[in-house]
Amino acid sequence: MEQSNKSKEMSVLFEKIRMEEVKQILVIASGKGGVGKSTVAANLAVALSRKGYKTALVDADIYGPSIPRMFGIEDAKPDVTAFGDKQMIFPIEKSGVKIMSIGFFVDRNQSLIWRGPMAANAVTQLFEDTEWGDIDYMIIDFPPGTGDIQLTTLQKLNLTGAIIVTTPQEIALNDARKAASMFTNADLKVPVLGIIENMSWFTPEQHPDEKYYIFGKGGGHKMALEFDTMLLGQIPLVAEVGEAAEKGLSVFNQKNKHVMDSFEKIAELIFSKTEKTD
């Protein structure tokens, strides 16, 4: 009887959330904070939308949701409508992207003091209780690390693959490797679709042809080789990117063409790598 109960618990644990209208689900992950993961997730979602794909963005960083601020929608409140005995949430739309975040439901100055299982359950509700409609690409912005939120999401969703964000220096690569190894774990087996190297070099605005590799060089390429995957792109360190995010704007609202081109090329590569799984 005890073994039977354990089997039932495991089947519940791995029961998948039904999201038939969502074609591709991609997680954006990093081993540590401060590498620009959320900035990459937000701008990648906008880049996919600009190419005509129906795109959604889920802010799965329960303890530090930043996506609402990056889109300038911190004060937005999603509509909630009852369907029978269940209430469904309608995501906020901005820049052609359907957005859902725990940040819409808590005060921006309030800290969430939740144990791991409670936070993981909150993320599950964001997926289950949101009326997404038809979606070509759902981008999930993971919190840093390899905790309960990540594991629950991996177990509960049929993921297309993961994209790892890192900066070039070795200390960041060490943490990024831990994130990547979570996906390649034999019990999870989520494909690592590629590596995005952020803050690859610095180019002064007054000298657009110069590159200064202040965080080192070649780290993203090295990691891509280690995990037998692709270096999807290198994004330069540009002050405008951070400034735009603080104002709720994407990189496509600024003048730096190198950054815009980087995200557009990454979006094209993601399409080429995922269309065969459609």
Protein backbone atom coordinates (compact mmCIF):
# COMPACT_ATOMS: atom_id res chain seq x y z
CA MET A 1 0.00 0.00 0.00
CA GLU A 2 2.85 2.38 0.85
CA GLN A 3 4.50 1.73 -2.53
CA SER A 4 1.19 2.37 -4.27
CA ASN A 5 0.82 5.73 -2.53
CA LYS A 6 4.34 6.71 -3.55
CA SER A 7 3.58 5.84 -7.16
CA LYS A 8 0.48 8.01 -7.06
CA GLU A 9 2.48 10.89 -5.59
CA MET A 10 5.05 10.62 -8.37
CA SER A 11 2.35 10.52 -11.07
CA VAL A 12 0.82 13.69 -9.64
CA LEU A 13 4.24 15.32 -9.42
CA PHE A 14 4.95 14.70 -13.10
CA GLU A 15 1.43 15.34 -14.41
CA LYS A 16 1.79 17.77 -17.29
CA ILE A 17 -0.14 21.02 -17.59
CA ARG A 18 -2.32 20.93 -20.69
CA MET A 19 -1.35 23.84 -22.96
CA GLU A 20 -2.36 22.61 -26.41
CA GLU A 21 -2.57 26.10 -27.91
CA VAL A 22 1.07 26.87 -27.07
CA LYS A 23 3.32 25.49 -29.80
CA GLN A 24 6.84 26.12 -28.49
CA ILE A 25 7.92 26.66 -24.88
CA LEU A 26 11.44 27.96 -24.28
CA VAL A 27 13.06 28.63 -20.91
CA ILE A 28 15.73 31.30 -20.51
CA ALA A 29 18.08 30.32 -17.68
CA SER A 30 21.32 31.32 -16.00
CA GLY A 31 23.35 29.96 -13.15
CA LYS A 32 23.66 33.32 -11.39
CA GLY A 33 22.06 36.74 -11.30
CA GLY A 34 23.55 39.82 -12.90
CA VAL A 35 24.18 38.40 -16.37
CA GLY A 36 21.19 40.14 -17.98
CA LYS A 37 18.98 37.05 -18.27
CA SER A 38 15.67 38.92 -17.84
CA THR A 39 16.78 41.62 -20.27
CA VAL A 40 17.56 38.92 -22.82
CA ALA A 41 14.21 37.16 -22.21
CA ALA A 42 12.22 40.39 -22.58
CA ASN A 43 13.94 41.56 -25.75
CA LEU A 44 13.90 38.10 -27.30
CA ALA A 45 10.13 37.95 -26.77
CA VAL A 46 9.74 41.33 -28.49
CA ALA A 47 12.03 40.24 -31.33
CA LEU A 48 9.90 37.13 -31.96
CA SER A 49 6.74 39.22 -31.87
CA ARG A 50 8.20 41.68 -34.38
CA LYS A 51 8.76 38.77 -36.75
CA GLY A 52 5.06 37.99 -36.67
CA TYR A 53 4.97 35.16 -34.13
CA LYS A 54 2.29 35.12 -31.43
CA THR A 55 4.46 35.43 -28.35
CA ALA A 56 4.01 35.08 -24.59
CA LEU A 57 6.43 35.88 -21.77
CA VAL A 58 6.15 34.34 -18.30
CA ASP A 59 8.11 35.89 -15.45
CA ALA A 60 8.88 32.84 -13.33
CA ASP A 61 11.19 34.74 -10.97
CA ILE A 62 8.77 34.74 -8.04
CA TYR A 63 11.14 36.36 -5.53
CA GLY A 64 12.39 39.10 -7.84
CA PRO A 65 9.99 39.72 -10.74
CA SER A 66 11.50 42.31 -13.08
CA ILE A 67 9.57 41.83 -16.32
CA PRO A 68 6.73 44.27 -15.43
CA ARG A 69 9.27 47.06 -14.88
CA MET A 70 11.12 46.25 -18.10
CA PHE A 71 7.87 46.68 -20.04
CA GLY A 72 6.71 49.73 -18.08
CA ILE A 73 3.60 47.95 -16.77
CA GLU A 74 4.31 47.72 -13.04
CA ASP A 75 0.90 49.16 -12.15
CA ALA A 76 -1.04 46.95 -14.53
CA LYS A 77 -3.66 44.58 -13.13
CA PRO A 78 -4.74 41.60 -15.27
CA ASP A 79 -8.46 41.02 -15.79
CA VAL A 80 -9.87 37.96 -14.04
CA THR A 81 -13.00 36.27 -15.42
CA ALA A 82 -14.93 33.31 -14.03
CA PHE A 83 -15.41 30.32 -16.33
CA GLY A 84 -17.71 27.95 -14.51
CA ASP A 85 -16.11 27.20 -11.16
CA LYS A 86 -12.67 28.42 -12.25
CA GLN A 87 -11.29 31.93 -12.53
CA MET A 88 -9.02 32.64 -15.49
CA ILE A 89 -6.49 35.46 -15.71
CA PHE A 90 -5.96 37.41 -18.93
CA PRO A 91 -2.33 38.41 -19.53
CA ILE A 92 -1.23 41.99 -20.01
CA GLU A 93 -0.23 42.77 -23.60
CA LYS A 94 2.64 45.12 -24.47
CA SER A 95 4.80 45.36 -27.61
CA GLY A 96 2.84 42.46 -29.11
CA VAL A 97 3.73 40.15 -26.20
CA LYS A 98 1.29 38.54 -23.75
CA ILE A 99 2.90 38.92 -20.31
CA MET A 100 2.24 37.23 -16.99
CA SER A 101 4.13 37.81 -13.74
CA ILE A 102 3.58 37.43 -10.00
CA GLY A 103 4.63 41.09 -9.94
CA PHE A 104 1.13 42.04 -11.12
CA PHE A 105 -0.38 40.65 -7.92
CA VAL A 106 1.95 41.90 -5.18
CA ASP A 107 3.06 45.35 -4.10
CA ARG A 108 6.34 46.27 -5.81
CA ASN A 109 7.96 46.98 -2.42
CA GLN A 110 6.68 43.77 -0.83
CA SER A 111 9.08 40.86 -0.41
CA LEU A 112 7.70 37.35 -0.78
CA ILE A 113 8.79 35.16 2.13
CA TRP A 114 7.75 31.81 0.71
CA ARG A 115 9.28 28.38 1.02
CA GLY A 116 10.26 26.66 -2.23
CA PRO A 117 7.11 24.51 -2.68
CA MET A 118 4.82 27.52 -2.21
CA ALA A 119 6.76 29.53 -4.81
CA ALA A 120 6.71 26.58 -7.22
CA ASN A 121 2.95 26.27 -6.77
CA ALA A 122 2.52 29.98 -7.54
CA VAL A 123 4.42 29.56 -10.82
CA THR A 124 2.26 26.57 -11.73
CA GLN A 125 -0.85 28.72 -11.25
CA LEU A 126 0.54 31.36 -13.62
CA PHE A 127 0.55 28.71 -16.36
CA GLU A 128 -2.65 26.87 -15.46
CA ASP A 129 -4.91 29.81 -14.66
CA THR A 130 -3.96 32.15 -17.52
CA GLU A 131 -6.00 32.38 -20.72
CA TRP A 132 -3.15 32.36 -23.24
CA GLY A 133 -4.96 31.76 -26.51
CA ASP A 134 -2.94 30.70 -29.56
CA ILE A 135 0.79 31.13 -28.93
CA ASP A 136 3.68 30.31 -31.27
CA TYR A 137 6.44 30.96 -28.72
CA MET A 138 6.19 31.09 -24.95
CA ILE A 139 9.34 32.44 -23.30
CA ILE A 140 9.83 31.62 -19.61
CA ASP A 141 12.23 33.82 -17.65
CA PHE A 142 13.62 31.51 -14.97
CA PRO A 143 15.05 32.79 -11.70
CA PRO A 144 18.81 32.25 -11.34
CA GLY A 145 20.00 28.89 -10.09
CA THR A 146 18.51 25.39 -10.00
CA GLY A 147 15.80 25.38 -7.32
CA ASP A 148 12.21 24.26 -6.81
CA ILE A 149 10.71 26.69 -9.33
CA GLN A 150 12.95 25.41 -12.12
CA LEU A 151 12.43 21.74 -11.30
CA THR A 152 8.65 22.07 -11.01
CA THR A 153 8.45 23.88 -14.35
CA LEU A 154 10.60 21.24 -16.05
CA GLN A 155 8.40 18.48 -14.66
CA LYS A 156 5.05 20.14 -15.36
CA LEU A 157 5.53 21.51 -18.89
CA ASN A 158 6.39 19.93 -22.23
CA LEU A 159 9.36 22.13 -23.03
CA THR A 160 10.84 22.64 -26.47
CA GLY A 161 14.22 23.51 -25.03
CA ALA A 162 16.38 25.77 -22.89
CA ILE A 163 18.58 28.75 -23.70
CA ILE A 164 21.42 29.59 -21.32
CA VAL A 165 22.54 33.18 -20.79
CA THR A 166 26.05 33.88 -19.59
CA THR A 167 28.71 36.56 -19.70
CA PRO A 168 32.18 35.72 -21.06
CA GLN A 169 34.20 35.49 -17.84
CA GLU A 170 35.00 32.11 -16.30
CA ILE A 171 33.24 32.71 -12.98
CA ALA A 172 29.96 33.28 -14.85
CA LEU A 173 30.59 30.24 -17.06
CA ASN A 174 31.00 28.01 -14.01
CA ASP A 175 27.52 28.95 -12.80
CA ALA A 176 26.05 28.72 -16.30
CA ARG A 177 27.38 25.17 -16.61
CA LYS A 178 25.39 24.20 -13.51
CA ALA A 179 22.22 25.58 -15.07
CA ALA A 180 22.89 23.76 -18.34
CA SER A 181 23.65 20.46 -16.58
CA MET A 182 20.21 20.63 -14.91
CA PHE A 183 18.57 20.40 -18.33
CA THR A 184 20.82 17.59 -19.54
CA ASN A 185 20.15 15.54 -16.39
CA ALA A 186 19.09 12.00 -17.36
CA ASP A 187 15.76 12.37 -15.51
CA LEU A 188 14.81 15.63 -17.27
CA LYS A 189 16.43 15.58 -20.72
CA VAL A 190 15.48 19.03 -21.95
CA PRO A 191 17.47 20.05 -25.05
CA VAL A 192 19.84 22.99 -24.62
CA LEU A 193 19.06 24.88 -27.82
CA GLY A 194 21.92 27.30 -27.46
CA ILE A 195 23.99 29.79 -25.50
CA ILE A 196 23.57 33.56 -25.53
CA GLU A 197 26.65 35.48 -24.47
CA ASN A 198 25.65 38.82 -23.00
CA MET A 199 27.97 41.79 -22.36
CA SER A 200 30.37 40.31 -24.91
CA TRP A 201 32.23 43.55 -25.50
CA PHE A 202 31.95 47.26 -24.88
CA THR A 203 31.83 49.75 -27.74
CA PRO A 204 31.97 53.48 -26.93
CA GLU A 205 29.19 55.45 -28.60
CA GLN A 206 31.73 57.89 -30.01
CA HIS A 207 33.83 55.02 -31.53
CA PRO A 208 31.35 52.51 -32.95
CA ASP A 209 34.03 50.41 -34.66
CA GLU A 210 36.01 49.72 -31.48
CA LYS A 211 35.48 46.70 -29.21
CA TYR A 212 36.79 46.32 -25.66
CA TYR A 213 36.46 42.81 -24.18
CA ILE A 214 36.25 43.93 -20.56
CA PHE A 215 34.79 40.60 -19.31
CA GLY A 216 37.08 38.38 -21.38
CA LYS A 217 36.55 36.76 -24.74
CA GLY A 218 35.25 33.48 -26.12
CA GLY A 219 33.41 32.19 -23.07
CA GLY A 220 30.07 31.65 -24.81
CA HIS A 221 31.69 29.78 -27.70
CA LYS A 222 33.61 27.60 -25.25
CA MET A 223 30.46 26.67 -23.37
CA ALA A 224 28.55 25.93 -26.58
CA LEU A 225 31.26 23.43 -27.54
CA GLU A 226 31.15 21.81 -24.10
CA PHE A 227 27.40 21.17 -24.35
CA ASP A 228 27.42 20.35 -28.07
CA THR A 229 25.08 23.21 -28.88
CA MET A 230 25.08 26.54 -30.72
CA LEU A 231 26.26 29.99 -29.74
CA LEU A 232 23.04 31.76 -30.68
CA GLY A 233 24.46 35.24 -30.38
CA GLN A 234 26.72 37.74 -28.67
CA ILE A 235 25.14 40.89 -27.29
CA PRO A 236 27.41 43.89 -26.69
CA LEU A 237 27.43 45.84 -23.45
CA VAL A 238 25.55 49.05 -24.20
CA ALA A 239 24.43 51.53 -21.55
CA GLU A 240 21.28 52.28 -23.58
CA VAL A 241 19.99 48.74 -23.04
CA GLY A 242 19.84 49.10 -19.26
CA GLU A 243 18.54 52.65 -19.51
CA ALA A 244 15.77 51.53 -21.87
CA ALA A 245 14.74 48.71 -19.52
CA GLU A 246 14.49 51.17 -16.63
CA LYS A 247 12.09 53.22 -18.75
CA GLY A 248 10.01 50.20 -19.75
CA LEU A 249 11.36 50.12 -23.32
CA SER A 250 12.88 47.35 -25.42
CA VAL A 251 16.11 47.58 -27.41
CA PHE A 252 13.95 48.24 -30.47
CA ASN A 253 13.08 51.66 -29.03
CA GLN A 254 16.70 52.82 -29.07
CA LYS A 255 19.29 53.74 -31.66
CA ASN A 256 21.94 51.03 -31.24
CA LYS A 257 21.59 48.94 -34.37
CA HIS A 258 24.15 46.32 -33.24
CA VAL A 259 21.98 45.28 -30.30
CA MET A 260 18.80 45.21 -32.38
CA ASP A 261 20.53 43.11 -35.05
CA SER A 262 21.78 40.71 -32.37
CA PHE A 263 18.28 39.97 -31.08
CA GLU A 264 16.79 39.72 -34.58
CA LYS A 265 19.43 37.15 -35.59
CA ILE A 266 18.87 35.18 -32.39
CA ALA A 267 15.12 35.11 -33.10
CA GLU A 268 15.81 33.80 -36.62
CA LEU A 269 18.11 31.06 -35.29
CA ILE A 270 15.55 30.01 -32.69
CA PHE A 271 12.92 29.66 -35.42
CA SER A 272 15.27 27.56 -37.55
CA LYS A 273 16.05 25.27 -34.59
CA THR A 274 12.44 24.85 -33.44
CA GLU A 275 10.41 24.71 -36.65
CA LYS A 276 11.16 21.00 -37.06
CA THR A 277 9.53 20.35 -33.68
CA ASP A 278 6.33 22.21 -34.66
